[in-house]
Amino acid sequence: MALTNYNPKIVILPYSMTGNTRAVADLIRDLSGDYAAEIHPNPDPKTVPDLIRSTDILMIGTYSWGNGEIPEGFSPILDAVKSHAEPGLITGVFGTGDSFYPAFCGAVDRLAEDLHDTCFVAERLKIELMPQPSDIDRCRTFIHTLTSHLAIATPTQGGIRS
């Protein structure tokens, strides 16, 4: 059954201190084409339940702190997502980091692991510092991988249903 006249909603939650992760979110939104992609940078954790309640795909991103750590300020946002996401919500995790550190973009991997029990983490995207033209195809692949999972989801809000 085709999902005609159905416009899936994408919510992008970037946590950014220097603007790099926000720049990745902007690029993802710009490349999302016909999808209704909304960016909510550094969201107040109290708003997260309403933001993710009506979404089909969640894209959540952060920078890596130090040696691949999730920034402390991001924890309340992560907790809100874990507490309120529908089981199986199609989720992509993205982030920025510096390859100087041994755990390049380690926060992306840690975030994906933290969300594993709650969401369906379908893809990860790691960007060196600020997105470059060479990252455009990687962002397109990230989007395509996530949206391709909509074909196996029902057209109800909140992702894959069992």
N, C-alpha and C. Protein backbone atom coordinates (compact mmCIF):
# COMPACT_ATOMS: atom_id res chain seq x y z
N MET A 1 0.83 -1.17 0.00
CA MET A 1 0.00 0.00 0.00
C MET A 1 0.88 1.25 0.00
N ALA A 2 0.70 2.09 -0.97
CA ALA A 2 1.49 3.32 -1.07
C ALA A 2 0.99 4.35 -0.06
N LEU A 3 1.90 5.16 0.38
CA LEU A 3 1.55 6.20 1.33
C LEU A 3 1.25 7.50 0.59
N THR A 4 0.26 7.47 -0.29
CA THR A 4 -0.07 8.65 -1.07
C THR A 4 -0.70 9.71 -0.19
N ASN A 5 -0.47 10.95 -0.54
CA ASN A 5 -1.00 12.10 0.18
C ASN A 5 -0.62 12.08 1.66
N TYR A 6 0.44 11.42 1.97
CA TYR A 6 0.90 11.35 3.35
C TYR A 6 2.25 12.05 3.42
N ASN A 7 2.35 13.08 4.20
CA ASN A 7 3.58 13.84 4.32
C ASN A 7 4.19 13.59 5.70
N PRO A 8 5.12 12.65 5.78
CA PRO A 8 5.72 12.34 7.08
C PRO A 8 6.41 13.56 7.69
N LYS A 9 6.39 13.60 8.99
CA LYS A 9 6.99 14.71 9.72
C LYS A 9 8.31 14.27 10.33
N ILE A 10 9.32 15.12 10.16
CA ILE A 10 10.64 14.89 10.74
C ILE A 10 10.90 15.99 11.77
N VAL A 11 11.30 15.60 12.96
CA VAL A 11 11.71 16.55 13.98
C VAL A 11 13.21 16.39 14.18
N ILE A 12 13.92 17.50 14.11
CA ILE A 12 15.38 17.51 14.27
C ILE A 12 15.70 18.27 15.56
N LEU A 13 16.36 17.58 16.48
CA LEU A 13 16.73 18.17 17.77
C LEU A 13 18.24 18.25 17.89
N PRO A 14 18.86 19.34 17.44
CA PRO A 14 20.31 19.47 17.59
C PRO A 14 20.68 20.18 18.89
N TYR A 15 21.69 19.67 19.55
CA TYR A 15 22.24 20.34 20.72
C TYR A 15 23.61 20.86 20.30
N SER A 16 23.76 22.18 20.29
CA SER A 16 24.96 22.78 19.72
C SER A 16 25.48 23.90 20.60
N MET A 17 26.79 23.94 20.76
CA MET A 17 27.41 25.01 21.52
C MET A 17 28.11 26.00 20.58
N THR A 18 28.80 25.50 19.57
CA THR A 18 29.57 26.36 18.67
C THR A 18 28.84 26.65 17.37
N GLY A 19 27.75 25.95 17.11
CA GLY A 19 27.03 26.13 15.86
C GLY A 19 27.29 25.02 14.85
N ASN A 20 28.27 24.17 15.09
CA ASN A 20 28.59 23.10 14.13
C ASN A 20 27.46 22.09 14.01
N THR A 21 26.96 21.61 15.14
CA THR A 21 25.88 20.62 15.10
C THR A 21 24.61 21.24 14.54
N ARG A 22 24.37 22.50 14.85
CA ARG A 22 23.22 23.21 14.27
C ARG A 22 23.38 23.31 12.75
N ALA A 23 24.59 23.54 12.26
CA ALA A 23 24.83 23.61 10.82
C ALA A 23 24.52 22.27 10.15
N VAL A 24 24.84 21.17 10.81
CA VAL A 24 24.49 19.85 10.27
C VAL A 24 22.97 19.72 10.21
N ALA A 25 22.29 20.14 11.26
CA ALA A 25 20.82 20.08 11.29
C ALA A 25 20.22 20.92 10.17
N ASP A 26 20.76 22.11 9.94
CA ASP A 26 20.27 22.96 8.86
C ASP A 26 20.46 22.29 7.50
N LEU A 27 21.62 21.67 7.31
CA LEU A 27 21.89 20.97 6.05
C LEU A 27 20.92 19.80 5.87
N ILE A 28 20.70 19.04 6.90
CA ILE A 28 19.76 17.91 6.83
C ILE A 28 18.37 18.42 6.47
N ARG A 29 17.93 19.48 7.14
CA ARG A 29 16.61 20.05 6.83
C ARG A 29 16.55 20.49 5.36
N ASP A 30 17.57 21.18 4.91
CA ASP A 30 17.58 21.68 3.54
C ASP A 30 17.57 20.55 2.51
N LEU A 31 18.15 19.42 2.86
CA LEU A 31 18.21 18.27 1.95
C LEU A 31 17.00 17.35 2.08
N SER A 32 16.12 17.64 3.02
CA SER A 32 14.98 16.75 3.29
C SER A 32 13.86 16.86 2.26
N GLY A 33 13.98 17.78 1.33
CA GLY A 33 13.02 17.86 0.23
C GLY A 33 11.60 18.07 0.68
N ASP A 34 10.73 17.15 0.27
CA ASP A 34 9.30 17.29 0.52
C ASP A 34 8.88 16.95 1.95
N TYR A 35 9.78 16.41 2.73
CA TYR A 35 9.42 16.06 4.10
C TYR A 35 9.29 17.32 4.94
N ALA A 36 8.37 17.32 5.86
CA ALA A 36 8.16 18.46 6.75
C ALA A 36 9.15 18.37 7.90
N ALA A 37 10.35 18.88 7.67
CA ALA A 37 11.41 18.80 8.68
C ALA A 37 11.45 20.08 9.50
N GLU A 38 11.34 19.93 10.81
CA GLU A 38 11.38 21.07 11.73
C GLU A 38 12.61 20.94 12.61
N ILE A 39 13.33 22.05 12.77
CA ILE A 39 14.49 22.08 13.67
C ILE A 39 14.10 22.79 14.96
N HIS A 40 14.46 22.17 16.06
CA HIS A 40 14.25 22.76 17.39
C HIS A 40 15.59 22.71 18.12
N PRO A 41 16.45 23.73 17.92
CA PRO A 41 17.79 23.69 18.51
C PRO A 41 17.77 23.85 20.02
N ASN A 42 18.66 23.13 20.68
CA ASN A 42 18.82 23.19 22.13
C ASN A 42 17.46 23.27 22.83
N PRO A 43 16.59 22.28 22.57
CA PRO A 43 15.22 22.39 23.09
C PRO A 43 15.16 22.33 24.61
N ASP A 44 14.19 23.02 25.14
CA ASP A 44 13.88 22.91 26.56
C ASP A 44 13.34 21.50 26.77
N PRO A 45 13.91 20.73 27.70
CA PRO A 45 13.43 19.36 27.90
C PRO A 45 11.92 19.26 28.14
N LYS A 46 11.32 20.31 28.70
CA LYS A 46 9.88 20.29 28.95
C LYS A 46 9.07 20.29 27.65
N THR A 47 9.66 20.77 26.56
CA THR A 47 8.94 20.82 25.28
C THR A 47 9.11 19.55 24.46
N VAL A 48 10.09 18.73 24.82
CA VAL A 48 10.40 17.53 24.03
C VAL A 48 9.21 16.58 23.88
N PRO A 49 8.44 16.28 24.92
CA PRO A 49 7.31 15.36 24.72
C PRO A 49 6.35 15.82 23.62
N ASP A 50 6.02 17.10 23.60
CA ASP A 50 5.12 17.60 22.55
C ASP A 50 5.78 17.57 21.18
N LEU A 51 7.07 17.85 21.12
CA LEU A 51 7.78 17.86 19.84
C LEU A 51 7.83 16.47 19.21
N ILE A 52 8.07 15.45 20.01
CA ILE A 52 8.25 14.12 19.44
C ILE A 52 6.96 13.32 19.35
N ARG A 53 5.90 13.79 20.00
CA ARG A 53 4.64 13.05 20.01
C ARG A 53 4.08 12.88 18.60
N SER A 54 4.20 13.86 17.76
CA SER A 54 3.57 13.81 16.45
C SER A 54 4.56 13.62 15.31
N THR A 55 5.71 13.06 15.61
CA THR A 55 6.71 12.90 14.56
C THR A 55 6.80 11.46 14.07
N ASP A 56 7.18 11.33 12.81
CA ASP A 56 7.41 10.02 12.22
C ASP A 56 8.87 9.61 12.30
N ILE A 57 9.74 10.62 12.19
CA ILE A 57 11.19 10.38 12.26
C ILE A 57 11.79 11.42 13.19
N LEU A 58 12.61 10.95 14.12
CA LEU A 58 13.35 11.83 15.01
C LEU A 58 14.81 11.80 14.59
N MET A 59 15.38 12.98 14.38
CA MET A 59 16.81 13.11 14.14
C MET A 59 17.35 13.93 15.31
N ILE A 60 18.25 13.33 16.04
CA ILE A 60 18.76 13.97 17.25
C ILE A 60 20.27 14.03 17.19
N GLY A 61 20.82 15.20 17.50
CA GLY A 61 22.26 15.36 17.35
C GLY A 61 22.90 16.15 18.46
N THR A 62 24.17 15.89 18.66
CA THR A 62 24.96 16.62 19.64
C THR A 62 26.41 16.63 19.21
N TYR A 63 27.15 17.51 19.81
CA TYR A 63 28.60 17.50 19.61
C TYR A 63 29.19 16.53 20.62
N SER A 64 30.42 16.13 20.39
CA SER A 64 31.13 15.28 21.35
C SER A 64 32.01 16.17 22.21
N TRP A 65 31.98 15.91 23.49
CA TRP A 65 32.75 16.70 24.44
C TRP A 65 33.96 15.90 24.89
N GLY A 66 35.12 16.54 24.89
CA GLY A 66 36.33 15.86 25.34
C GLY A 66 36.59 14.62 24.50
N ASN A 67 36.75 13.50 25.16
CA ASN A 67 37.06 12.26 24.47
C ASN A 67 35.79 11.47 24.15
N GLY A 68 34.87 12.12 23.43
CA GLY A 68 33.68 11.42 22.95
C GLY A 68 32.53 11.37 23.93
N GLU A 69 32.50 12.26 24.88
CA GLU A 69 31.44 12.26 25.87
C GLU A 69 30.21 13.03 25.37
N ILE A 70 29.04 12.64 25.88
CA ILE A 70 27.82 13.40 25.65
C ILE A 70 27.89 14.61 26.58
N PRO A 71 27.66 15.82 26.06
CA PRO A 71 27.72 17.00 26.92
C PRO A 71 26.71 16.91 28.07
N GLU A 72 27.13 17.37 29.23
CA GLU A 72 26.27 17.29 30.42
C GLU A 72 24.94 18.01 30.21
N GLY A 73 24.95 19.14 29.53
CA GLY A 73 23.73 19.90 29.30
C GLY A 73 22.72 19.19 28.41
N PHE A 74 23.17 18.19 27.68
CA PHE A 74 22.29 17.45 26.78
C PHE A 74 21.50 16.37 27.53
N SER A 75 21.97 15.96 28.68
CA SER A 75 21.35 14.85 29.42
C SER A 75 19.86 15.04 29.69
N PRO A 76 19.39 16.23 30.11
CA PRO A 76 17.94 16.38 30.32
C PRO A 76 17.12 16.19 29.04
N ILE A 77 17.67 16.60 27.92
CA ILE A 77 16.98 16.42 26.63
C ILE A 77 16.91 14.93 26.31
N LEU A 78 18.04 14.24 26.46
CA LEU A 78 18.08 12.81 26.21
C LEU A 78 17.11 12.07 27.13
N ASP A 79 17.07 12.44 28.39
CA ASP A 79 16.14 11.80 29.33
C ASP A 79 14.69 12.01 28.90
N ALA A 80 14.37 13.21 28.43
CA ALA A 80 13.00 13.50 27.98
C ALA A 80 12.64 12.65 26.77
N VAL A 81 13.58 12.49 25.84
CA VAL A 81 13.31 11.64 24.66
C VAL A 81 13.09 10.21 25.11
N LYS A 82 13.97 9.70 25.95
CA LYS A 82 13.85 8.31 26.40
C LYS A 82 12.55 8.07 27.16
N SER A 83 12.08 9.06 27.88
CA SER A 83 10.85 8.90 28.68
C SER A 83 9.58 9.02 27.86
N HIS A 84 9.63 9.72 26.72
CA HIS A 84 8.40 10.03 26.00
C HIS A 84 8.32 9.52 24.57
N ALA A 85 9.39 8.96 24.04
CA ALA A 85 9.35 8.46 22.66
C ALA A 85 8.47 7.22 22.58
N GLU A 86 7.71 7.14 21.50
CA GLU A 86 6.93 5.93 21.23
C GLU A 86 7.91 4.79 20.95
N PRO A 87 7.63 3.59 21.43
CA PRO A 87 8.51 2.46 21.12
C PRO A 87 8.63 2.29 19.60
N GLY A 88 9.86 2.14 19.16
CA GLY A 88 10.09 1.92 17.74
C GLY A 88 10.15 3.18 16.90
N LEU A 89 10.16 4.36 17.53
CA LEU A 89 10.24 5.61 16.76
C LEU A 89 11.49 5.58 15.88
N ILE A 90 11.32 5.77 14.60
CA ILE A 90 12.45 5.79 13.66
C ILE A 90 13.34 6.97 14.04
N THR A 91 14.60 6.66 14.33
CA THR A 91 15.51 7.68 14.87
C THR A 91 16.86 7.62 14.16
N GLY A 92 17.37 8.80 13.87
CA GLY A 92 18.72 8.95 13.36
C GLY A 92 19.51 9.80 14.34
N VAL A 93 20.74 9.40 14.59
CA VAL A 93 21.60 10.11 15.52
C VAL A 93 22.75 10.71 14.71
N PHE A 94 22.99 12.00 14.92
CA PHE A 94 24.08 12.66 14.22
C PHE A 94 24.88 13.52 15.19
N GLY A 95 26.08 13.87 14.77
CA GLY A 95 26.87 14.72 15.63
C GLY A 95 28.15 15.17 14.97
N THR A 96 28.78 16.10 15.67
CA THR A 96 30.04 16.65 15.20
C THR A 96 31.12 16.35 16.23
N GLY A 97 32.34 16.30 15.74
CA GLY A 97 33.46 16.03 16.62
C GLY A 97 34.76 16.37 15.93
N ASP A 98 35.83 16.15 16.64
CA ASP A 98 37.17 16.46 16.15
C ASP A 98 37.96 15.16 16.11
N SER A 99 38.47 14.81 14.94
CA SER A 99 39.20 13.55 14.79
C SER A 99 40.54 13.56 15.53
N PHE A 100 40.90 14.68 16.10
CA PHE A 100 42.09 14.75 16.94
C PHE A 100 41.94 13.81 18.14
N TYR A 101 40.71 13.65 18.60
CA TYR A 101 40.44 12.82 19.77
C TYR A 101 40.30 11.36 19.37
N PRO A 102 40.76 10.42 20.22
CA PRO A 102 40.68 9.00 19.88
C PRO A 102 39.25 8.51 19.66
N ALA A 103 38.30 9.05 20.40
CA ALA A 103 36.90 8.62 20.27
C ALA A 103 36.16 9.65 19.40
N PHE A 104 36.51 9.69 18.11
CA PHE A 104 35.90 10.66 17.19
C PHE A 104 34.38 10.52 17.20
N CYS A 105 33.71 11.60 17.51
CA CYS A 105 32.23 11.63 17.58
C CYS A 105 31.69 10.52 18.48
N GLY A 106 32.40 10.27 19.55
CA GLY A 106 31.97 9.22 20.47
C GLY A 106 30.59 9.46 21.05
N ALA A 107 30.17 10.72 21.16
CA ALA A 107 28.84 11.02 21.68
C ALA A 107 27.75 10.46 20.78
N VAL A 108 28.02 10.37 19.48
CA VAL A 108 27.04 9.79 18.55
C VAL A 108 26.80 8.33 18.90
N ASP A 109 27.88 7.60 19.12
CA ASP A 109 27.75 6.18 19.48
C ASP A 109 27.09 6.01 20.84
N ARG A 110 27.47 6.83 21.80
CA ARG A 110 26.87 6.73 23.13
C ARG A 110 25.39 7.09 23.10
N LEU A 111 25.05 8.11 22.32
CA LEU A 111 23.65 8.50 22.19
C LEU A 111 22.83 7.39 21.56
N ALA A 112 23.36 6.79 20.50
CA ALA A 112 22.66 5.68 19.84
C ALA A 112 22.45 4.52 20.82
N GLU A 113 23.47 4.21 21.61
CA GLU A 113 23.34 3.14 22.60
C GLU A 113 22.29 3.48 23.65
N ASP A 114 22.28 4.74 24.10
CA ASP A 114 21.30 5.17 25.12
C ASP A 114 19.87 5.09 24.60
N LEU A 115 19.68 5.34 23.31
CA LEU A 115 18.33 5.34 22.73
C LEU A 115 17.89 3.96 22.24
N HIS A 116 18.81 3.02 22.20
CA HIS A 116 18.54 1.71 21.61
C HIS A 116 17.31 1.01 22.19
N ASP A 117 17.12 1.08 23.49
CA ASP A 117 15.99 0.39 24.12
C ASP A 117 14.66 1.08 23.90
N THR A 118 14.69 2.36 23.57
CA THR A 118 13.46 3.13 23.40
C THR A 118 13.09 3.30 21.93
N CYS A 119 14.05 3.68 21.13
CA CYS A 119 13.80 4.03 19.73
C CYS A 119 14.42 3.00 18.80
N PHE A 120 14.00 3.05 17.54
CA PHE A 120 14.64 2.26 16.50
C PHE A 120 15.71 3.15 15.87
N VAL A 121 16.95 3.01 16.32
CA VAL A 121 18.04 3.82 15.81
C VAL A 121 18.50 3.21 14.49
N ALA A 122 18.07 3.83 13.41
CA ALA A 122 18.28 3.27 12.08
C ALA A 122 19.57 3.73 11.42
N GLU A 123 20.13 4.84 11.87
CA GLU A 123 21.33 5.38 11.20
C GLU A 123 22.07 6.33 12.12
N ARG A 124 23.38 6.42 11.87
CA ARG A 124 24.26 7.35 12.59
C ARG A 124 25.03 8.16 11.55
N LEU A 125 25.30 9.41 11.87
CA LEU A 125 26.07 10.29 10.99
C LEU A 125 27.07 11.07 11.83
N LYS A 126 28.34 10.96 11.46
CA LYS A 126 29.41 11.67 12.17
C LYS A 126 30.06 12.66 11.20
N ILE A 127 30.17 13.91 11.65
CA ILE A 127 30.74 14.97 10.82
C ILE A 127 31.95 15.57 11.53
N GLU A 128 33.03 15.74 10.79
CA GLU A 128 34.24 16.38 11.31
C GLU A 128 34.00 17.88 11.43
N LEU A 129 33.95 18.36 12.65
CA LEU A 129 33.79 19.78 12.97
C LEU A 129 32.57 20.40 12.30
N MET A 130 32.74 21.14 11.22
CA MET A 130 31.66 21.85 10.52
C MET A 130 31.38 21.12 9.21
N PRO A 131 30.10 20.97 8.82
CA PRO A 131 29.82 20.27 7.56
C PRO A 131 30.48 20.96 6.36
N GLN A 132 31.01 20.13 5.47
CA GLN A 132 31.68 20.58 4.25
C GLN A 132 30.89 20.07 3.04
N PRO A 133 31.17 20.60 1.85
CA PRO A 133 30.48 20.09 0.65
C PRO A 133 30.61 18.57 0.49
N SER A 134 31.72 18.02 0.94
CA SER A 134 31.92 16.57 0.82
C SER A 134 30.98 15.79 1.74
N ASP A 135 30.33 16.45 2.68
CA ASP A 135 29.40 15.79 3.59
C ASP A 135 27.97 15.73 3.06
N ILE A 136 27.69 16.43 1.97
CA ILE A 136 26.33 16.50 1.45
C ILE A 136 25.79 15.11 1.10
N ASP A 137 26.57 14.32 0.38
CA ASP A 137 26.10 12.98 0.02
C ASP A 137 25.91 12.10 1.25
N ARG A 138 26.75 12.27 2.25
CA ARG A 138 26.59 11.49 3.48
C ARG A 138 25.30 11.88 4.20
N CYS A 139 24.97 13.17 4.17
CA CYS A 139 23.71 13.63 4.78
C CYS A 139 22.52 13.09 3.99
N ARG A 140 22.62 13.08 2.66
CA ARG A 140 21.53 12.53 1.84
C ARG A 140 21.32 11.05 2.16
N THR A 141 22.40 10.31 2.31
CA THR A 141 22.30 8.89 2.65
C THR A 141 21.64 8.72 4.01
N PHE A 142 22.00 9.54 4.96
CA PHE A 142 21.41 9.53 6.30
C PHE A 142 19.90 9.71 6.20
N ILE A 143 19.47 10.72 5.46
CA ILE A 143 18.04 10.99 5.28
C ILE A 143 17.36 9.83 4.58
N HIS A 144 17.96 9.35 3.50
CA HIS A 144 17.36 8.27 2.72
C HIS A 144 17.20 7.00 3.57
N THR A 145 18.21 6.67 4.33
CA THR A 145 18.13 5.48 5.18
C THR A 145 16.96 5.59 6.15
N LEU A 146 16.82 6.75 6.76
CA LEU A 146 15.73 6.93 7.73
C LEU A 146 14.37 6.92 7.05
N THR A 147 14.23 7.64 5.96
CA THR A 147 12.93 7.72 5.30
C THR A 147 12.55 6.40 4.64
N SER A 148 13.53 5.59 4.27
CA SER A 148 13.20 4.30 3.67
C SER A 148 12.50 3.38 4.66
N HIS A 149 12.71 3.61 5.94
CA HIS A 149 12.03 2.81 6.96
C HIS A 149 10.55 3.15 7.07
N LEU A 150 10.15 4.29 6.52
CA LEU A 150 8.72 4.63 6.53
C LEU A 150 7.92 3.66 5.68
N ALA A 151 8.55 3.05 4.70
CA ALA A 151 7.85 2.10 3.83
C ALA A 151 7.37 0.88 4.62
N ILE A 152 8.04 0.58 5.74
CA ILE A 152 7.60 -0.56 6.54
C ILE A 152 6.80 -0.12 7.76
N ALA A 153 6.65 1.19 7.93
CA ALA A 153 5.86 1.72 9.03
C ALA A 153 4.46 2.04 8.53
N THR A 154 3.53 2.03 9.44
CA THR A 154 2.18 2.43 9.07
C THR A 154 2.09 3.94 9.06
N PRO A 155 1.12 4.50 8.35
CA PRO A 155 1.05 5.96 8.29
C PRO A 155 0.43 6.59 9.53
N THR A 156 0.64 5.97 10.68
CA THR A 156 0.24 6.59 11.93
C THR A 156 1.46 7.28 12.49
N GLN A 157 1.25 8.28 13.27
CA GLN A 157 2.38 9.03 13.82
C GLN A 157 3.15 8.16 14.81
N GLY A 158 4.45 8.42 14.89
CA GLY A 158 5.24 7.81 15.94
C GLY A 158 6.09 6.64 15.52
N GLY A 159 6.23 6.37 14.23
CA GLY A 159 7.19 5.37 13.81
C GLY A 159 6.61 4.00 13.57
N ILE A 160 7.45 3.00 13.68
CA ILE A 160 7.10 1.63 13.35
C ILE A 160 6.17 1.06 14.41
N ARG A 161 5.15 0.42 13.96
CA ARG A 161 4.20 -0.24 14.86
C ARG A 161 4.31 -1.75 14.68
N SER A 162 4.25 -2.47 15.79
CA SER A 162 4.31 -3.92 15.69
C SER A 162 2.95 -4.50 15.38
